[in-house]
Amino acid sequence: VTLAAAHDPGTVPATVTQAQDIGTYWLLVAEVAEVTGSKLIVRSRLSQEQAIPKVGETVWLAVAGDHTCYYKNEELIA
């Protein structure tokens, strides 16, 4: 998952809930609007070189490629 420009095709808006400096990258945690009655939490690694959004900020997210993993209740589902 990567940050994208607002309203780019194929992106979804999300609210940043956590931005943590891990040392070699930043871990971004964001919440997408409720999907089928439950909130969708997205975690993404961001490079140290890019601008890091602040907690509460709205960002636009895009799926980066084939290596994206999907979890439900902390369990890998795809």
PDB file of N, CA and C in Angstrom:
ATOM      1  N   VAL A   1       0.856  -1.169   0.000  1.00  0.00           N
ATOM      2  CA  VAL A   1       0.000   0.000   0.000  1.00  0.00           C
ATOM      3  C   VAL A   1       0.897   1.225   0.000  1.00  0.00           C
ATOM      4  N   THR A   2       0.562   2.181  -0.843  1.00  0.00           N
ATOM      5  CA  THR A   2       1.350   3.407  -0.912  1.00  0.00           C
ATOM      6  C   THR A   2       0.445   4.625  -0.788  1.00  0.00           C
ATOM      7  N   LEU A   3       1.050   5.738  -0.439  1.00  0.00           N
ATOM      8  CA  LEU A   3       0.322   7.001  -0.427  1.00  0.00           C
ATOM      9  C   LEU A   3       0.131   7.461  -1.864  1.00  0.00           C
ATOM     10  N   ALA A   4      -1.014   8.073  -2.139  1.00  0.00           N
ATOM     11  CA  ALA A   4      -1.326   8.544  -3.491  1.00  0.00           C
ATOM     12  C   ALA A   4      -1.879   9.955  -3.406  1.00  0.00           C
ATOM     13  N   ALA A   5      -2.022  10.560  -4.555  1.00  0.00           N
ATOM     14  CA  ALA A   5      -2.633  11.888  -4.619  1.00  0.00           C
ATOM     15  C   ALA A   5      -4.137  11.752  -4.377  1.00  0.00           C
ATOM     16  N   ALA A   6      -4.711  12.770  -3.784  1.00  0.00           N
ATOM     17  CA  ALA A   6      -6.142  12.756  -3.480  1.00  0.00           C
ATOM     18  C   ALA A   6      -6.960  12.488  -4.733  1.00  0.00           C
ATOM     19  N   HIS A   7      -7.891  11.570  -4.583  1.00  0.00           N
ATOM     20  CA  HIS A   7      -8.855  11.230  -5.626  1.00  0.00           C
ATOM     21  C   HIS A   7      -8.257  10.556  -6.860  1.00  0.00           C
ATOM     22  N   ASP A   8      -7.012  10.053  -6.784  1.00  0.00           N
ATOM     23  CA  ASP A   8      -6.474   9.281  -7.904  1.00  0.00           C
ATOM     24  C   ASP A   8      -7.357   8.058  -8.129  1.00  0.00           C
ATOM     25  N   PRO A   9      -7.514   7.613  -9.375  1.00  0.00           N
ATOM     26  CA  PRO A   9      -8.320   6.412  -9.637  1.00  0.00           C
ATOM     27  C   PRO A   9      -7.763   5.201  -8.880  1.00  0.00           C
ATOM     28  N   GLY A  10      -8.652   4.406  -8.313  1.00  0.00           N
ATOM     29  CA  GLY A  10      -8.247   3.191  -7.607  1.00  0.00           C
ATOM     30  C   GLY A  10      -7.737   3.410  -6.199  1.00  0.00           C
ATOM     31  N   THR A  11      -7.910   4.607  -5.659  1.00  0.00           N
ATOM     32  CA  THR A  11      -7.444   4.886  -4.303  1.00  0.00           C
ATOM     33  C   THR A  11      -8.623   5.006  -3.347  1.00  0.00           C
ATOM     34  N   VAL A  12      -8.330   4.876  -2.052  1.00  0.00           N
ATOM     35  CA  VAL A  12      -9.356   5.042  -1.030  1.00  0.00           C
ATOM     36  C   VAL A  12      -8.859   6.015   0.028  1.00  0.00           C
ATOM     37  N   PRO A  13      -9.760   6.836   0.575  1.00  0.00           N
ATOM     38  CA  PRO A  13      -9.356   7.743   1.649  1.00  0.00           C
ATOM     39  C   PRO A  13      -9.268   6.975   2.967  1.00  0.00           C
ATOM     40  N   ALA A  14      -8.344   7.375   3.807  1.00  0.00           N
ATOM     41  CA  ALA A  14      -8.175   6.750   5.119  1.00  0.00           C
ATOM     42  C   ALA A  14      -7.705   7.798   6.107  1.00  0.00           C
ATOM     43  N   THR A  15      -7.980   7.569   7.387  1.00  0.00           N
ATOM     44  CA  THR A  15      -7.554   8.475   8.450  1.00  0.00           C
ATOM     45  C   THR A  15      -6.378   7.843   9.180  1.00  0.00           C
ATOM     46  N   VAL A  16      -5.287   8.580   9.297  1.00  0.00           N
ATOM     47  CA  VAL A  16      -4.091   8.078   9.975  1.00  0.00           C
ATOM     48  C   VAL A  16      -4.371   7.946  11.470  1.00  0.00           C
ATOM     49  N   THR A  17      -4.109   6.764  12.020  1.00  0.00           N
ATOM     50  CA  THR A  17      -4.283   6.535  13.449  1.00  0.00           C
ATOM     51  C   THR A  17      -2.957   6.384  14.179  1.00  0.00           C
ATOM     52  N   GLN A  18      -1.889   6.090  13.426  1.00  0.00           N
ATOM     53  CA  GLN A  18      -0.568   5.946  14.039  1.00  0.00           C
ATOM     54  C   GLN A  18       0.502   6.114  12.969  1.00  0.00           C
ATOM     55  N   ALA A  19       1.596   6.772  13.315  1.00  0.00           N
ATOM     56  CA  ALA A  19       2.774   6.877  12.456  1.00  0.00           C
ATOM     57  C   ALA A  19       3.979   6.669  13.370  1.00  0.00           C
ATOM     58  N   GLN A  20       4.676   5.559  13.157  1.00  0.00           N
ATOM     59  CA  GLN A  20       5.744   5.164  14.072  1.00  0.00           C
ATOM     60  C   GLN A  20       7.061   5.020  13.317  1.00  0.00           C
ATOM     61  N   ASP A  21       8.110   5.680  13.822  1.00  0.00           N
ATOM     62  CA  ASP A  21       9.449   5.579  13.244  1.00  0.00           C
ATOM     63  C   ASP A  21      10.070   4.270  13.724  1.00  0.00           C
ATOM     64  N   ILE A  22      10.289   3.335  12.792  1.00  0.00           N
ATOM     65  CA  ILE A  22      10.849   2.021  13.125  1.00  0.00           C
ATOM     66  C   ILE A  22      12.370   2.042  13.007  1.00  0.00           C
ATOM     67  N   GLY A  23      12.934   3.042  12.403  1.00  0.00           N
ATOM     68  CA  GLY A  23      14.381   3.146  12.245  1.00  0.00           C
ATOM     69  C   GLY A  23      14.766   3.193  10.778  1.00  0.00           C
ATOM     70  N   THR A  24      14.466   2.130  10.035  1.00  0.00           N
ATOM     71  CA  THR A  24      14.780   2.108   8.606  1.00  0.00           C
ATOM     72  C   THR A  24      13.562   2.475   7.759  1.00  0.00           C
ATOM     73  N   TYR A  25      12.406   2.568   8.374  1.00  0.00           N
ATOM     74  CA  TYR A  25      11.180   2.961   7.688  1.00  0.00           C
ATOM     75  C   TYR A  25      10.177   3.462   8.712  1.00  0.00           C
ATOM     76  N   TRP A  26       9.075   4.016   8.245  1.00  0.00           N
ATOM     77  CA  TRP A  26       7.957   4.418   9.098  1.00  0.00           C
ATOM     78  C   TRP A  26       6.836   3.412   8.931  1.00  0.00           C
ATOM     79  N   LEU A  27       6.161   3.065  10.007  1.00  0.00           N
ATOM     80  CA  LEU A  27       4.968   2.229   9.947  1.00  0.00           C
ATOM     81  C   LEU A  27       3.765   3.155  10.060  1.00  0.00           C
ATOM     82  N   LEU A  28       2.947   3.157   9.023  1.00  0.00           N
ATOM     83  CA  LEU A  28       1.740   3.970   8.994  1.00  0.00           C
ATOM     84  C   LEU A  28       0.542   3.060   9.217  1.00  0.00           C
ATOM     85  N   VAL A  29      -0.310   3.415  10.163  1.00  0.00           N
ATOM     86  CA  VAL A  29      -1.556   2.688  10.404  1.00  0.00           C
ATOM     87  C   VAL A  29      -2.687   3.661  10.121  1.00  0.00           C
ATOM     88  N   ALA A  30      -3.624   3.231   9.282  1.00  0.00           N
ATOM     89  CA  ALA A  30      -4.731   4.101   8.893  1.00  0.00           C
ATOM     90  C   ALA A  30      -6.031   3.308   8.897  1.00  0.00           C
ATOM     91  N   GLU A  31      -7.122   4.013   9.089  1.00  0.00           N
ATOM     92  CA  GLU A  31      -8.447   3.406   9.154  1.00  0.00           C
ATOM     93  C   GLU A  31      -9.270   3.874   7.959  1.00  0.00           C
ATOM     94  N   VAL A  32      -9.748   2.892   7.193  1.00  0.00           N
ATOM     95  CA  VAL A  32     -10.617   3.179   6.053  1.00  0.00           C
ATOM     96  C   VAL A  32     -12.048   3.185   6.576  1.00  0.00           C
ATOM     97  N   ALA A  33     -12.903   3.969   5.964  1.00  0.00           N
ATOM     98  CA  ALA A  33     -14.313   4.028   6.376  1.00  0.00           C
ATOM     99  C   ALA A  33     -14.888   2.620   6.506  1.00  0.00           C
ATOM    100  N   GLU A  34     -15.931   2.501   7.292  1.00  0.00           N
ATOM    101  CA  GLU A  34     -16.524   1.188   7.539  1.00  0.00           C
ATOM    102  C   GLU A  34     -16.856   0.467   6.246  1.00  0.00           C
ATOM    103  N   VAL A  35     -16.445  -0.792   6.205  1.00  0.00           N
ATOM    104  CA  VAL A  35     -16.695  -1.663   5.060  1.00  0.00           C
ATOM    105  C   VAL A  35     -17.500  -2.840   5.571  1.00  0.00           C
ATOM    106  N   THR A  36     -18.674  -3.056   5.044  1.00  0.00           N
ATOM    107  CA  THR A  36     -19.576  -4.141   5.471  1.00  0.00           C
ATOM    108  C   THR A  36     -19.720  -4.200   6.989  1.00  0.00           C
ATOM    109  N   GLY A  37     -19.912  -3.044   7.605  1.00  0.00           N
ATOM    110  CA  GLY A  37     -20.186  -3.003   9.034  1.00  0.00           C
ATOM    111  C   GLY A  37     -18.981  -3.038   9.946  1.00  0.00           C
ATOM    112  N   SER A  38     -17.782  -3.144   9.407  1.00  0.00           N
ATOM    113  CA  SER A  38     -16.598  -3.140  10.267  1.00  0.00           C
ATOM    114  C   SER A  38     -15.549  -2.190   9.697  1.00  0.00           C
ATOM    115  N   LYS A  39     -14.690  -1.690  10.569  1.00  0.00           N
ATOM    116  CA  LYS A  39     -13.638  -0.777  10.147  1.00  0.00           C
ATOM    117  C   LYS A  39     -12.484  -1.574   9.561  1.00  0.00           C
ATOM    118  N   LEU A  40     -11.870  -1.044   8.529  1.00  0.00           N
ATOM    119  CA  LEU A  40     -10.741  -1.672   7.876  1.00  0.00           C
ATOM    120  C   LEU A  40      -9.480  -0.923   8.287  1.00  0.00           C
ATOM    121  N   ILE A  41      -8.553  -1.640   8.925  1.00  0.00           N
ATOM    122  CA  ILE A  41      -7.278  -1.064   9.347  1.00  0.00           C
ATOM    123  C   ILE A  41      -6.220  -1.449   8.324  1.00  0.00           C
ATOM    124  N   VAL A  42      -5.467  -0.459   7.855  1.00  0.00           N
ATOM    125  CA  VAL A  42      -4.428  -0.688   6.856  1.00  0.00           C
ATOM    126  C   VAL A  42      -3.092  -0.295   7.458  1.00  0.00           C
ATOM    127  N   ARG A  43      -2.095  -1.181   7.293  1.00  0.00           N
ATOM    128  CA  ARG A  43      -0.729  -0.890   7.750  1.00  0.00           C
ATOM    129  C   ARG A  43       0.183  -0.842   6.530  1.00  0.00           C
ATOM    130  N   SER A  44       1.080   0.122   6.525  1.00  0.00           N
ATOM    131  CA  SER A  44       1.966   0.285   5.382  1.00  0.00           C
ATOM    132  C   SER A  44       3.327   0.788   5.833  1.00  0.00           C
ATOM    133  N   ARG A  45       4.373   0.325   5.148  1.00  0.00           N
ATOM    134  CA  ARG A  45       5.720   0.844   5.385  1.00  0.00           C
ATOM    135  C   ARG A  45       5.946   2.038   4.480  1.00  0.00           C
ATOM    136  N   LEU A  46       6.475   3.099   5.048  1.00  0.00           N
ATOM    137  CA  LEU A  46       6.824   4.292   4.281  1.00  0.00           C
ATOM    138  C   LEU A  46       8.319   4.526   4.418  1.00  0.00           C
ATOM    139  N   SER A  47       8.951   4.977   3.344  1.00  0.00           N
ATOM    140  CA  SER A  47      10.381   5.249   3.405  1.00  0.00           C
ATOM    141  C   SER A  47      10.650   6.495   4.238  1.00  0.00           C
ATOM    142  N   GLN A  48      11.853   6.575   4.746  1.00  0.00           N
ATOM    143  CA  GLN A  48      12.265   7.726   5.558  1.00  0.00           C
ATOM    144  C   GLN A  48      12.274   9.015   4.737  1.00  0.00           C
ATOM    145  N   GLU A  49      12.394   8.898   3.404  1.00  0.00           N
ATOM    146  CA  GLU A  49      12.534  10.070   2.550  1.00  0.00           C
ATOM    147  C   GLU A  49      11.212  10.783   2.254  1.00  0.00           C
ATOM    148  N   GLN A  50      10.088  10.098   2.397  1.00  0.00           N
ATOM    149  CA  GLN A  50       8.833  10.755   2.034  1.00  0.00           C
ATOM    150  C   GLN A  50       8.211  11.482   3.219  1.00  0.00           C
ATOM    151  N   ALA A  51       7.333  12.410   2.913  1.00  0.00           N
ATOM    152  CA  ALA A  51       6.646  13.164   3.957  1.00  0.00           C
ATOM    153  C   ALA A  51       5.724  12.221   4.722  1.00  0.00           C
ATOM    154  N   ILE A  52       5.807  12.236   6.035  1.00  0.00           N
ATOM    155  CA  ILE A  52       5.022  11.343   6.879  1.00  0.00           C
ATOM    156  C   ILE A  52       3.786  12.090   7.367  1.00  0.00           C
ATOM    157  N   PRO A  53       2.587  11.546   7.072  1.00  0.00           N
ATOM    158  CA  PRO A  53       1.370  12.214   7.532  1.00  0.00           C
ATOM    159  C   PRO A  53       1.222  12.153   9.044  1.00  0.00           C
ATOM    160  N   LYS A  54       0.482  13.072   9.588  1.00  0.00           N
ATOM    161  CA  LYS A  54       0.261  13.138  11.035  1.00  0.00           C
ATOM    162  C   LYS A  54      -1.021  12.402  11.413  1.00  0.00           C
ATOM    163  N   VAL A  55      -1.080  11.961  12.678  1.00  0.00           N
ATOM    164  CA  VAL A  55      -2.268  11.296  13.205  1.00  0.00           C
ATOM    165  C   VAL A  55      -3.475  12.213  13.030  1.00  0.00           C
ATOM    166  N   GLY A  56      -4.572  11.651  12.528  1.00  0.00           N
ATOM    167  CA  GLY A  56      -5.782  12.408  12.288  1.00  0.00           C
ATOM    168  C   GLY A  56      -5.901  12.936  10.869  1.00  0.00           C
ATOM    169  N   GLU A  57      -4.805  12.949  10.145  1.00  0.00           N
ATOM    170  CA  GLU A  57      -4.800  13.448   8.774  1.00  0.00           C
ATOM    171  C   GLU A  57      -5.465  12.435   7.832  1.00  0.00           C
ATOM    172  N   THR A  58      -6.155  12.928   6.814  1.00  0.00           N
ATOM    173  CA  THR A  58      -6.721  12.060   5.786  1.00  0.00           C
ATOM    174  C   THR A  58      -5.690  11.859   4.692  1.00  0.00           C
ATOM    175  N   VAL A  59      -5.459  10.600   4.325  1.00  0.00           N
ATOM    176  CA  VAL A  59      -4.541  10.256   3.244  1.00  0.00           C
ATOM    177  C   VAL A  59      -5.298   9.416   2.224  1.00  0.00           C
ATOM    178  N   TRP A  60      -4.737   9.306   1.037  1.00  0.00           N
ATOM    179  CA  TRP A  60      -5.316   8.464  -0.016  1.00  0.00           C
ATOM    180  C   TRP A  60      -4.360   7.307  -0.250  1.00  0.00           C
ATOM    181  N   LEU A  61      -4.881   6.088  -0.248  1.00  0.00           N
ATOM    182  CA  LEU A  61      -4.060   4.885  -0.340  1.00  0.00           C
ATOM    183  C   LEU A  61      -4.339   4.127  -1.631  1.00  0.00           C
ATOM    184  N   ALA A  62      -3.270   3.549  -2.196  1.00  0.00           N
ATOM    185  CA  ALA A  62      -3.380   2.720  -3.394  1.00  0.00           C
ATOM    186  C   ALA A  62      -2.644   1.407  -3.133  1.00  0.00           C
ATOM    187  N   VAL A  63      -3.187   0.318  -3.639  1.00  0.00           N
ATOM    188  CA  VAL A  63      -2.511  -0.980  -3.532  1.00  0.00           C
ATOM    189  C   VAL A  63      -1.338  -0.957  -4.498  1.00  0.00           C
ATOM    190  N   ALA A  64      -0.153  -1.324  -3.991  1.00  0.00           N
ATOM    191  CA  ALA A  64       1.069  -1.175  -4.772  1.00  0.00           C
ATOM    192  C   ALA A  64       1.328  -2.304  -5.760  1.00  0.00           C
ATOM    193  N   GLY A  65       0.961  -3.536  -5.428  1.00  0.00           N
ATOM    194  CA  GLY A  65       1.300  -4.615  -6.347  1.00  0.00           C
ATOM    195  C   GLY A  65       0.933  -5.984  -5.830  1.00  0.00           C
ATOM    196  N   ASP A  66       1.505  -6.993  -6.479  1.00  0.00           N
ATOM    197  CA  ASP A  66       1.174  -8.384  -6.189  1.00  0.00           C
ATOM    198  C   ASP A  66       1.615  -8.852  -4.807  1.00  0.00           C
ATOM    199  N   HIS A  67       2.539  -8.163  -4.180  1.00  0.00           N
ATOM    200  CA  HIS A  67       3.068  -8.606  -2.891  1.00  0.00           C
ATOM    201  C   HIS A  67       2.307  -8.050  -1.695  1.00  0.00           C
ATOM    202  N   THR A  68       1.175  -7.439  -1.939  1.00  0.00           N
ATOM    203  CA  THR A  68       0.352  -6.901  -0.865  1.00  0.00           C
ATOM    204  C   THR A  68      -0.330  -8.050  -0.120  1.00  0.00           C
ATOM    205  N   CYS A  69      -0.288  -8.014   1.207  1.00  0.00           N
ATOM    206  CA  CYS A  69      -0.918  -9.048   2.037  1.00  0.00           C
ATOM    207  C   CYS A  69      -2.170  -8.473   2.688  1.00  0.00           C
ATOM    208  N   TYR A  70      -3.178  -9.307   2.846  1.00  0.00           N
ATOM    209  CA  TYR A  70      -4.427  -8.905   3.472  1.00  0.00           C
ATOM    210  C   TYR A  70      -4.644  -9.725   4.740  1.00  0.00           C
ATOM    211  N   TYR A  71      -4.980  -9.050   5.833  1.00  0.00           N
ATOM    212  CA  TYR A  71      -5.187  -9.693   7.133  1.00  0.00           C
ATOM    213  C   TYR A  71      -6.584  -9.395   7.638  1.00  0.00           C
ATOM    214  N   LYS A  72      -7.130 -10.327   8.374  1.00  0.00           N
ATOM    215  CA  LYS A  72      -8.375 -10.114   9.091  1.00  0.00           C
ATOM    216  C   LYS A  72      -8.152 -10.638  10.502  1.00  0.00           C
ATOM    217  N   ASN A  73      -8.393  -9.777  11.502  1.00  0.00           N
ATOM    218  CA  ASN A  73      -8.142 -10.137  12.898  1.00  0.00           C
ATOM    219  C   ASN A  73      -6.742 -10.676  13.100  1.00  0.00           C
ATOM    220  N   GLU A  74      -5.769  -9.978  12.487  1.00  0.00           N
ATOM    221  CA  GLU A  74      -4.347 -10.306  12.600  1.00  0.00           C
ATOM    222  C   GLU A  74      -3.978 -11.634  11.941  1.00  0.00           C
ATOM    223  N   GLU A  75      -4.865 -12.216  11.141  1.00  0.00           N
ATOM    224  CA  GLU A  75      -4.593 -13.483  10.453  1.00  0.00           C
ATOM    225  C   GLU A  75      -4.536 -13.229   8.959  1.00  0.00           C
ATOM    226  N   LEU A  76      -3.470 -13.731   8.306  1.00  0.00           N
ATOM    227  CA  LEU A  76      -3.315 -13.575   6.873  1.00  0.00           C
ATOM    228  C   LEU A  76      -4.438 -14.286   6.132  1.00  0.00           C
ATOM    229  N   ILE A  77      -5.146 -13.552   5.252  1.00  0.00           N
ATOM    230  CA  ILE A  77      -6.244 -14.179   4.512  1.00  0.00           C
ATOM    231  C   ILE A  77      -5.992 -14.199   3.008  1.00  0.00           C
ATOM    232  N   ALA A  78      -5.062 -13.406   2.511  1.00  0.00           N
ATOM    233  CA  ALA A  78      -4.723 -13.432   1.078  1.00  0.00           C
ATOM    234  C   ALA A  78      -3.400 -12.743   0.844  1.00  0.00           C
TER     235      ALA A  78
END
